[in-house]
Amino acid sequence: MATIGAANPFFHRTPVRDPDYFFGRQYELQNLCAVVRNGQSVAVIGPRRIGKSSLLWQIVHTLMTDIAPTLPYCAVYISGEAWQTQTSNALYAGLWQALLMTMRAYALAANLPPGDSETDELDFSTFMRNLRLVTSTGIQVVFLLDEFDALSRNRHLNEFFFSALRSLVAPLGIVYVTASTRPLLELTYAQQSALSSPFFNIFLPHHLELLSEQEAVGLLHGIAALGKLEMNAPQQQLLLDLAGPHPCFLQIAGYHYWEALQAGMAYSLEQLQTAIYTEAAPLWAYQWRHLTSDEQRALMLLATDTPLSPARLARLRLACLVQMAQGRAVPLSPLLASFVRQQAVYQILHVGPILIDQATERAWLQGDALSLTPQDYRLLLGLASTAGYPLSPAELATHLWPEDAASPNQDRLKTAVNSLRNKLGPAHRDLIQYYNGGYRLAQTHQ
């Protein structure tokens, strides 16, 4: 039970800077730090809110605290969000000032070059000369460039700027760690010439994916313990089932679960689902808009037996929208599956438990393929196209027998309707309802 009045420990909606609150990705953290120590630049890639910024901050902490006593590192974190309009000289000055601030914060001021200055602009030669004075004292400089997507949109930055950054690697041992939502060469650059720079050839890509189940449970247990809450296995599994092994959504689920306990309420599963969905839906909407039509279609058909190509599966996994369960791809969570069902996808109709793919003329009921005749399929498609509203016998006949639409045979129509009802089975035959002299497909919520 949580201590009444205790602060909610699941408060992170921004990057996790405190290492006490950073759970999971320990192997990745150790591996990336080892790579950086070897002088290798790294490009961290992952969708929004998967924990890229948090990981960069933990790299800073690890290099500056665990390693600094024997190998003096100066790991400098910079967010590209504030750099979308700066000139190249302003950016050199920004990098230099961030380096000075970090050195002072970690008591490395003794290694500052004499007469160091802080200015709004620096030309590259001065920037390089200053860096050389720092590295000559034995300090290894690592620049961690977060939100690189924003930096790429700066119209002032061309191949010469990025090549200048690249030129610092060999003589001064500068290492870069970037974080972006897509691989560096796939970002949209305001100056397309930037892509010709050798800067982009020095990076080892590292994709951030979902947490393992063990990491996800460890996150819930660890953060809850910081708030003096002993979260048992069923509670952990409940939140994991709702959020999926996604660090941000686990934080959201944990936050609302904690708040319910603090209020002294037996949590309502429906209220918990609503609270998580409300926070997660805007992020899913952003991701949905950035999927290709084929990826949207694949995500919509995930619950069916439609084959998923390895390339498309890889893309959806890297987007952290699917996870693997018993050897097959499934949505990240039931809440994401609910979100997807509400989206519009060309040639796909989703009505209650029924899904229709007009491109292949196939239909499924709760994920199970329906064995339909061509007539069954045409009738189901007609009813689904106007779900909730009745179609008259003449309108139905237009879908089934266009040549007889003017004078539909009622007995023939009843036989067709009964055939489709039988295909839906006893539990769902009543989805097709007789109403006001016609037939309609009932709209039910999943």
Protein backbone atom coordinates (compact mmCIF):
# COMPACT_ATOMS: atom_id res chain seq x y z
CA MET A 1 0.00 0.00 0.00
CA ALA A 2 1.25 3.51 -0.81
CA THR A 3 2.01 5.90 2.02
CA ILE A 4 -0.88 8.36 2.12
CA GLY A 5 0.32 11.85 1.26
CA ALA A 6 3.56 10.65 -0.33
CA ALA A 7 4.60 12.29 -3.59
CA ASN A 8 3.74 10.36 -6.72
CA PRO A 9 7.05 8.89 -7.97
CA PHE A 10 5.67 8.30 -11.48
CA PHE A 11 5.98 11.98 -12.35
CA HIS A 12 8.28 11.89 -15.37
CA ARG A 13 6.84 13.29 -18.58
CA THR A 14 10.20 14.91 -19.38
CA PRO A 15 13.64 13.28 -19.68
CA VAL A 16 14.81 11.33 -16.65
CA ARG A 17 17.96 13.05 -15.41
CA ASP A 18 18.17 11.53 -11.94
CA PRO A 19 19.84 8.10 -12.24
CA ASP A 20 17.81 6.87 -9.26
CA TYR A 21 14.68 7.06 -11.44
CA PHE A 22 16.23 5.50 -14.54
CA PHE A 23 15.24 1.85 -14.92
CA GLY A 24 15.86 -0.51 -17.80
CA ARG A 25 18.30 -0.17 -20.70
CA GLN A 26 21.25 -0.87 -18.38
CA TYR A 27 22.92 -3.10 -20.95
CA GLU A 28 22.38 -0.48 -23.65
CA LEU A 29 23.77 2.23 -21.38
CA GLN A 30 26.90 0.23 -20.56
CA ASN A 31 27.40 -0.74 -24.18
CA LEU A 32 27.01 2.81 -25.51
CA CYS A 33 29.37 4.21 -22.89
CA ALA A 34 31.94 1.57 -23.85
CA VAL A 35 31.57 2.50 -27.52
CA VAL A 36 31.98 6.20 -26.73
CA ARG A 37 35.08 5.50 -24.63
CA ASN A 38 36.55 3.84 -27.71
CA GLY A 39 36.11 7.09 -29.63
CA GLN A 40 33.12 5.94 -31.69
CA SER A 41 30.32 8.41 -32.41
CA VAL A 42 26.77 7.04 -32.03
CA ALA A 43 23.39 7.92 -33.51
CA VAL A 44 20.55 6.98 -31.13
CA ILE A 45 17.33 6.52 -33.10
CA GLY A 46 13.81 6.00 -31.83
CA PRO A 47 10.25 7.37 -31.90
CA ARG A 48 9.09 10.19 -29.68
CA ARG A 49 8.91 9.48 -25.95
CA ILE A 50 10.78 6.18 -26.10
CA GLY A 51 13.50 7.53 -23.82
CA LYS A 52 16.22 8.91 -26.10
CA SER A 53 16.80 12.06 -24.06
CA SER A 54 16.79 10.11 -20.80
CA LEU A 55 19.41 7.76 -22.18
CA LEU A 56 21.61 10.67 -23.28
CA TRP A 57 21.42 12.17 -19.79
CA GLN A 58 22.41 8.84 -18.28
CA ILE A 59 25.40 8.65 -20.63
CA VAL A 60 26.41 12.09 -19.35
CA HIS A 61 26.05 10.95 -15.74
CA THR A 62 27.97 7.71 -16.31
CA LEU A 63 30.86 9.33 -18.13
CA MET A 64 31.11 12.24 -15.73
CA THR A 65 30.84 10.31 -12.45
CA ASP A 66 31.82 6.67 -12.90
CA ILE A 67 34.67 7.23 -15.32
CA ALA A 68 35.87 10.79 -14.61
CA PRO A 69 38.22 9.98 -11.69
CA THR A 70 40.60 8.02 -13.93
CA LEU A 71 39.61 9.11 -17.42
CA PRO A 72 38.48 12.76 -17.38
CA TYR A 73 35.49 13.07 -19.68
CA CYS A 74 33.48 16.17 -20.33
CA ALA A 75 30.12 14.99 -21.66
CA VAL A 76 28.12 17.99 -22.87
CA TYR A 77 24.35 17.68 -23.39
CA ILE A 78 22.74 20.10 -25.88
CA SER A 79 19.17 20.11 -27.19
CA GLY A 80 18.74 21.00 -30.85
CA GLU A 81 15.26 22.44 -30.24
CA ALA A 82 16.72 25.87 -29.52
CA TRP A 83 19.02 25.73 -32.54
CA GLN A 84 16.60 25.77 -35.43
CA THR A 85 17.39 29.36 -36.50
CA GLN A 86 20.92 29.98 -35.19
CA THR A 87 23.82 30.73 -37.53
CA SER A 88 26.79 28.38 -37.64
CA ASN A 89 28.93 30.83 -35.65
CA ALA A 90 26.22 31.08 -33.01
CA LEU A 91 26.15 27.29 -32.80
CA TYR A 92 29.91 27.07 -32.34
CA ALA A 93 29.53 29.60 -29.51
CA GLY A 94 26.66 27.59 -28.06
CA LEU A 95 28.72 24.40 -28.06
CA TRP A 96 31.62 26.19 -26.43
CA GLN A 97 29.48 27.81 -23.72
CA ALA A 98 27.79 24.48 -22.95
CA LEU A 99 31.24 22.92 -22.60
CA LEU A 100 32.33 25.67 -20.19
CA MET A 101 29.19 25.26 -18.08
CA THR A 102 29.67 21.50 -17.87
CA MET A 103 33.32 21.82 -16.87
CA ARG A 104 32.41 24.25 -14.10
CA ALA A 105 29.51 22.09 -12.92
CA TYR A 106 31.76 19.06 -12.57
CA ALA A 107 34.72 20.90 -11.02
CA LEU A 108 36.84 20.74 -14.15
CA ALA A 109 37.39 24.50 -14.20
CA ALA A 110 41.09 24.02 -13.50
CA ASN A 111 41.35 22.62 -17.02
CA LEU A 112 39.84 25.71 -18.63
CA PRO A 113 42.15 27.53 -21.01
CA PRO A 114 43.44 30.89 -19.73
CA GLY A 115 41.36 33.84 -20.73
CA ASP A 116 38.42 31.77 -21.93
CA SER A 117 35.62 33.96 -23.12
CA GLU A 118 31.90 33.58 -23.47
CA THR A 119 30.43 35.17 -26.56
CA ASP A 120 27.33 34.93 -28.71
CA GLU A 121 29.32 33.98 -31.81
CA LEU A 122 32.56 32.15 -32.55
CA ASP A 123 34.16 31.47 -35.90
CA PHE A 124 35.21 27.89 -36.42
CA SER A 125 38.94 28.49 -36.15
CA THR A 126 38.52 30.08 -32.71
CA PHE A 127 36.16 27.30 -31.63
CA MET A 128 38.68 24.65 -32.70
CA ARG A 129 41.55 26.46 -31.00
CA ASN A 130 39.60 26.64 -27.73
CA LEU A 131 38.74 22.95 -27.94
CA ARG A 132 42.38 22.09 -28.57
CA LEU A 133 43.37 23.92 -25.37
CA VAL A 134 40.85 21.82 -23.42
CA THR A 135 41.74 18.45 -24.95
CA SER A 136 45.45 19.15 -24.51
CA THR A 137 44.88 18.88 -20.75
CA GLY A 138 43.75 15.25 -21.20
CA ILE A 139 39.99 15.84 -21.16
CA GLN A 140 37.94 13.75 -23.59
CA VAL A 141 35.08 15.86 -24.98
CA VAL A 142 31.78 14.24 -25.92
CA PHE A 143 28.98 16.35 -27.43
CA LEU A 144 25.52 14.81 -27.00
CA LEU A 145 23.23 16.46 -29.55
CA ASP A 146 19.61 15.76 -28.64
CA GLU A 147 16.62 16.56 -30.90
CA PHE A 148 18.84 16.38 -33.97
CA ASP A 149 15.68 16.46 -36.11
CA ALA A 150 15.25 20.12 -35.15
CA LEU A 151 18.88 20.90 -35.88
CA SER A 152 18.56 19.40 -39.35
CA ARG A 153 15.85 21.94 -40.22
CA ASN A 154 18.17 24.90 -39.65
CA ARG A 155 18.57 26.64 -43.03
CA HIS A 156 21.95 28.08 -42.00
CA LEU A 157 23.60 24.68 -41.69
CA ASN A 158 25.12 23.24 -44.85
CA GLU A 159 27.76 20.63 -45.64
CA PHE A 160 30.54 22.99 -44.54
CA PHE A 161 29.15 23.24 -40.99
CA PHE A 162 28.80 19.48 -40.59
CA SER A 163 32.16 18.85 -42.24
CA ALA A 164 33.72 21.29 -39.78
CA LEU A 165 32.30 19.22 -36.89
CA ARG A 166 33.64 16.10 -38.56
CA SER A 167 37.12 17.65 -38.77
CA LEU A 168 37.33 17.76 -34.96
CA VAL A 169 37.19 13.99 -34.59
CA ALA A 170 40.64 12.83 -35.66
CA PRO A 171 42.91 15.60 -34.30
CA LEU A 172 41.03 16.33 -31.05
CA GLY A 173 39.26 13.03 -30.35
CA ILE A 174 35.82 14.68 -30.21
CA VAL A 175 32.97 12.15 -30.02
CA TYR A 176 29.34 12.88 -30.94
CA VAL A 177 26.17 11.19 -29.74
CA THR A 178 23.01 12.27 -31.56
CA ALA A 179 19.37 11.48 -30.85
CA SER A 180 16.73 11.62 -33.58
CA THR A 181 13.45 10.01 -34.58
CA ARG A 182 14.90 8.70 -37.84
CA PRO A 183 18.35 7.75 -39.12
CA LEU A 184 20.46 10.86 -39.73
CA LEU A 185 20.52 10.39 -43.49
CA GLU A 186 16.71 10.10 -43.61
CA LEU A 187 16.01 13.38 -41.83
CA THR A 188 14.72 16.35 -43.82
CA TYR A 189 17.51 18.92 -44.06
CA ALA A 190 16.80 22.55 -44.88
CA GLN A 191 20.09 22.48 -46.79
CA GLN A 192 20.07 19.27 -48.80
CA SER A 193 23.77 19.77 -49.51
CA ALA A 194 24.40 18.87 -45.85
CA LEU A 195 23.99 15.20 -46.72
CA SER A 196 27.17 15.29 -48.78
CA SER A 197 29.22 15.92 -45.63
CA PRO A 198 31.41 13.07 -44.32
CA PHE A 199 30.05 13.92 -40.85
CA PHE A 200 27.23 11.42 -41.36
CA ASN A 201 29.60 8.55 -42.12
CA ILE A 202 31.14 8.36 -38.65
CA PHE A 203 28.10 7.20 -36.68
CA LEU A 204 27.23 3.79 -35.33
CA PRO A 205 23.39 3.58 -35.39
CA HIS A 206 21.61 2.38 -32.26
CA HIS A 207 17.83 1.91 -32.38
CA LEU A 208 15.88 2.25 -29.14
CA GLU A 209 13.03 -0.25 -29.05
CA LEU A 210 10.53 -1.30 -26.40
CA LEU A 211 11.74 -2.50 -23.03
CA SER A 212 11.95 -6.21 -22.35
CA GLU A 213 9.24 -7.55 -20.05
CA GLN A 214 11.82 -7.90 -17.29
CA GLU A 215 12.91 -4.28 -17.74
CA ALA A 216 9.30 -3.08 -17.78
CA VAL A 217 8.46 -4.91 -14.55
CA GLY A 218 11.69 -3.59 -13.04
CA LEU A 219 10.68 -0.03 -13.94
CA LEU A 220 7.27 -0.38 -12.27
CA HIS A 221 8.68 -2.08 -9.19
CA GLY A 222 11.64 0.27 -8.85
CA ILE A 223 9.77 3.55 -9.22
CA ALA A 224 6.94 2.36 -6.97
CA ALA A 225 9.51 1.47 -4.31
CA LEU A 226 10.87 5.02 -4.45
CA GLY A 227 7.40 6.11 -3.33
CA LYS A 228 7.24 3.46 -0.59
CA LEU A 229 4.75 1.33 -2.53
CA GLU A 230 5.19 -2.41 -2.69
CA MET A 231 3.68 -3.26 -6.06
CA ASN A 232 2.85 -6.96 -6.27
CA ALA A 233 3.06 -9.13 -9.38
CA PRO A 234 -0.68 -8.89 -10.33
CA GLN A 235 -0.54 -5.09 -10.05
CA GLN A 236 2.60 -4.96 -12.20
CA GLN A 237 1.02 -7.25 -14.79
CA LEU A 238 -2.14 -5.13 -14.90
CA LEU A 239 -0.18 -1.98 -15.71
CA LEU A 240 2.07 -3.80 -18.16
CA ASP A 241 -0.98 -5.18 -19.98
CA LEU A 242 -2.50 -1.70 -20.19
CA ALA A 243 0.61 0.21 -21.23
CA GLY A 244 2.78 -2.34 -22.97
CA PRO A 245 6.55 -2.38 -22.34
CA HIS A 246 6.90 1.28 -23.29
CA PRO A 247 8.71 3.44 -20.69
CA CYS A 248 6.58 6.55 -21.17
CA PHE A 249 3.24 4.73 -21.08
CA LEU A 250 4.35 2.70 -18.06
CA GLN A 251 5.07 6.01 -16.29
CA ILE A 252 1.60 7.24 -17.25
CA ALA A 253 -0.08 4.02 -16.09
CA GLY A 254 1.87 4.05 -12.84
CA TYR A 255 1.01 7.70 -12.22
CA HIS A 256 -2.76 7.21 -12.51
CA TYR A 257 -2.71 3.95 -10.56
CA TRP A 258 -0.81 5.72 -7.76
CA GLU A 259 -3.27 8.62 -7.75
CA ALA A 260 -6.19 6.21 -7.36
CA LEU A 261 -4.49 4.55 -4.40
CA GLN A 262 -3.72 7.94 -2.82
CA ALA A 263 -7.37 8.88 -3.09
CA GLY A 264 -8.18 5.75 -1.11
CA MET A 265 -10.18 4.30 -3.95
CA ALA A 266 -10.27 0.81 -5.32
CA TYR A 267 -9.11 1.74 -8.79
CA SER A 268 -11.58 1.46 -11.64
CA LEU A 269 -10.12 -0.40 -14.60
CA GLU A 270 -12.25 1.66 -16.97
CA GLN A 271 -11.08 4.94 -15.41
CA LEU A 272 -7.47 3.76 -15.57
CA GLN A 273 -7.86 2.84 -19.24
CA THR A 274 -9.44 6.22 -20.01
CA ALA A 275 -6.69 8.15 -18.21
CA ILE A 276 -3.90 6.28 -20.00
CA TYR A 277 -5.62 6.52 -23.38
CA THR A 278 -6.19 10.27 -23.00
CA GLU A 279 -2.46 10.88 -22.55
CA ALA A 280 -1.28 8.32 -25.09
CA ALA A 281 -3.69 9.09 -27.97
CA PRO A 282 -2.03 12.38 -29.09
CA LEU A 283 1.32 10.62 -29.39
CA TRP A 284 -0.23 7.75 -31.32
CA ALA A 285 -1.99 10.26 -33.59
CA TYR A 286 1.36 11.88 -34.39
CA GLN A 287 2.93 8.51 -35.15
CA TRP A 288 -0.08 7.45 -37.23
CA ARG A 289 0.26 10.53 -39.46
CA HIS A 290 3.91 9.65 -40.10
CA LEU A 291 3.24 6.04 -41.13
CA THR A 292 2.99 5.16 -44.79
CA SER A 293 -0.40 3.98 -46.06
CA ASP A 294 0.98 0.44 -46.27
CA GLU A 295 2.16 0.61 -42.65
CA GLN A 296 -1.23 1.91 -41.53
CA ARG A 297 -2.89 -0.92 -43.40
CA ALA A 298 -0.54 -3.49 -41.85
CA LEU A 299 -1.24 -2.17 -38.35
CA MET A 300 -4.98 -2.29 -38.96
CA LEU A 301 -4.80 -5.90 -40.20
CA LEU A 302 -2.46 -7.04 -37.44
CA ALA A 303 -5.20 -8.95 -35.61
CA THR A 304 -5.99 -11.01 -38.73
CA ASP A 305 -4.13 -13.77 -40.54
CA THR A 306 -2.88 -11.34 -43.20
CA PRO A 307 0.84 -11.97 -43.81
CA LEU A 308 3.17 -9.21 -42.65
CA SER A 309 6.36 -8.72 -44.63
CA PRO A 310 9.62 -8.76 -42.64
CA ALA A 311 10.44 -5.22 -43.79
CA ARG A 312 7.08 -3.85 -42.67
CA LEU A 313 7.28 -5.72 -39.37
CA ALA A 314 10.73 -4.22 -38.78
CA ARG A 315 9.40 -0.72 -39.42
CA LEU A 316 6.48 -1.15 -37.00
CA ARG A 317 8.77 -2.61 -34.34
CA LEU A 318 11.20 0.30 -34.69
CA ALA A 319 8.21 2.64 -34.33
CA CYS A 320 7.48 0.80 -31.04
CA LEU A 321 3.91 0.15 -32.15
CA VAL A 322 4.05 -3.65 -32.05
CA GLN A 323 5.61 -6.28 -29.84
CA MET A 324 6.17 -9.99 -30.33
CA ALA A 325 4.01 -12.46 -28.42
CA GLN A 326 4.27 -16.21 -28.95
CA GLY A 327 6.11 -15.70 -32.21
CA ARG A 328 3.68 -13.25 -33.81
CA ALA A 329 3.37 -9.49 -33.95
CA VAL A 330 0.64 -7.90 -31.83
CA PRO A 331 -0.18 -4.25 -31.06
CA LEU A 332 1.79 -2.61 -28.26
CA SER A 333 -1.32 -2.72 -26.05
CA PRO A 334 -5.10 -3.19 -26.25
CA LEU A 335 -5.43 0.59 -25.94
CA LEU A 336 -3.33 1.11 -29.05
CA ALA A 337 -5.41 -1.54 -30.84
CA SER A 338 -8.52 0.44 -29.86
CA PHE A 339 -6.96 3.64 -31.22
CA VAL A 340 -6.08 1.95 -34.53
CA ARG A 341 -9.64 0.63 -34.97
CA GLN A 342 -10.89 4.23 -34.91
CA GLN A 343 -8.63 5.35 -37.73
CA ALA A 344 -9.62 5.56 -41.39
CA VAL A 345 -7.65 3.33 -43.74
CA TYR A 346 -8.35 3.21 -47.47
CA GLN A 347 -10.42 0.14 -48.47
CA ILE A 348 -10.72 -1.14 -44.91
CA LEU A 349 -13.98 -1.08 -42.96
CA HIS A 350 -14.06 -1.79 -39.22
CA VAL A 351 -17.50 -2.19 -37.70
CA GLY A 352 -17.61 -3.58 -34.19
CA PRO A 353 -15.99 -7.02 -34.26
CA ILE A 354 -16.07 -7.19 -38.06
CA LEU A 355 -13.19 -6.06 -40.27
CA ILE A 356 -13.41 -6.00 -44.06
CA ASP A 357 -10.50 -5.61 -46.48
CA GLN A 358 -11.94 -4.52 -49.81
CA ALA A 359 -8.56 -4.86 -51.53
CA THR A 360 -8.56 -8.64 -51.00
CA GLU A 361 -12.34 -9.06 -50.54
CA ARG A 362 -11.82 -10.81 -47.22
CA ALA A 363 -13.54 -10.34 -43.87
CA TRP A 364 -12.80 -11.30 -40.28
CA LEU A 365 -14.87 -11.61 -37.13
CA GLN A 366 -12.86 -10.87 -33.96
CA GLY A 367 -9.72 -11.67 -35.91
CA ASP A 368 -10.96 -15.00 -37.29
CA ALA A 369 -11.39 -15.25 -41.05
CA LEU A 370 -14.95 -15.60 -42.30
CA SER A 371 -15.58 -18.16 -45.02
CA LEU A 372 -17.87 -16.15 -47.29
CA THR A 373 -19.29 -16.76 -50.70
CA PRO A 374 -19.12 -13.84 -53.16
CA GLN A 375 -22.78 -13.13 -52.37
CA ASP A 376 -22.13 -13.20 -48.61
CA TYR A 377 -19.25 -10.79 -49.06
CA ARG A 378 -21.27 -8.33 -51.18
CA LEU A 379 -24.09 -8.33 -48.63
CA LEU A 380 -21.73 -7.81 -45.69
CA LEU A 381 -19.90 -5.02 -47.52
CA GLY A 382 -23.18 -3.26 -48.33
CA LEU A 383 -24.37 -3.44 -44.73
CA ALA A 384 -20.98 -2.41 -43.33
CA SER A 385 -20.79 0.59 -45.65
CA THR A 386 -23.88 2.05 -43.95
CA ALA A 387 -23.46 0.48 -40.51
CA GLY A 388 -26.19 1.52 -38.09
CA TYR A 389 -28.55 2.59 -40.88
CA PRO A 390 -31.01 0.22 -42.56
CA LEU A 391 -30.90 -0.59 -46.25
CA SER A 392 -34.16 -1.21 -48.04
CA PRO A 393 -34.67 -4.44 -50.00
CA ALA A 394 -34.14 -2.51 -53.22
CA GLU A 395 -30.85 -1.06 -51.96
CA LEU A 396 -29.66 -4.47 -50.82
CA ALA A 397 -30.65 -5.99 -54.14
CA THR A 398 -28.48 -3.37 -55.85
CA HIS A 399 -25.48 -4.81 -54.00
CA LEU A 400 -26.47 -8.44 -54.58
CA TRP A 401 -28.32 -8.66 -57.89
CA PRO A 402 -28.11 -5.37 -59.78
CA GLU A 403 -30.17 -6.81 -62.62
CA ASP A 404 -33.13 -7.43 -60.25
CA ALA A 405 -32.83 -4.32 -58.10
CA ALA A 406 -36.04 -2.79 -59.41
CA SER A 407 -38.19 -5.66 -58.09
CA PRO A 408 -36.23 -7.57 -55.42
CA ASN A 409 -37.38 -11.05 -54.46
CA GLN A 410 -38.09 -10.97 -50.72
CA ASP A 411 -37.62 -14.69 -50.18
CA ARG A 412 -34.34 -14.64 -52.05
CA LEU A 413 -33.19 -11.70 -49.93
CA LYS A 414 -34.16 -13.47 -46.67
CA THR A 415 -32.20 -16.52 -47.79
CA ALA A 416 -29.13 -14.36 -48.46
CA VAL A 417 -29.44 -12.64 -45.07
CA ASN A 418 -29.83 -15.98 -43.25
CA SER A 419 -26.78 -17.34 -45.06
CA LEU A 420 -24.66 -14.44 -43.84
CA ARG A 421 -26.09 -14.68 -40.32
CA ASN A 422 -25.14 -18.34 -40.22
CA LYS A 423 -21.59 -17.46 -41.27
CA LEU A 424 -21.38 -15.02 -38.35
CA GLY A 425 -22.36 -17.78 -35.94
CA PRO A 426 -24.84 -17.98 -33.06
CA ALA A 427 -23.06 -15.40 -30.91
CA HIS A 428 -23.04 -12.71 -33.63
CA ARG A 429 -25.92 -13.49 -36.02
CA ASP A 430 -27.99 -10.75 -34.36
CA LEU A 431 -25.52 -8.13 -35.61
CA ILE A 432 -27.69 -8.17 -38.74
CA GLN A 433 -30.99 -6.63 -37.67
CA TYR A 434 -34.35 -6.28 -39.40
CA TYR A 435 -35.38 -2.63 -39.00
CA ASN A 436 -38.09 -0.49 -40.60
CA GLY A 437 -38.64 -2.90 -43.47
CA GLY A 438 -34.92 -3.24 -44.24
CA TYR A 439 -31.73 -4.64 -42.75
CA ARG A 440 -28.84 -2.99 -40.96
CA LEU A 441 -25.54 -3.98 -39.42
CA ALA A 442 -25.51 -3.04 -35.74
CA GLN A 443 -22.72 -0.75 -34.61
CA THR A 444 -21.11 -2.09 -31.46
CA HIS A 445 -18.09 -0.74 -29.61
CA GLN A 446 -15.01 -2.88 -29.18
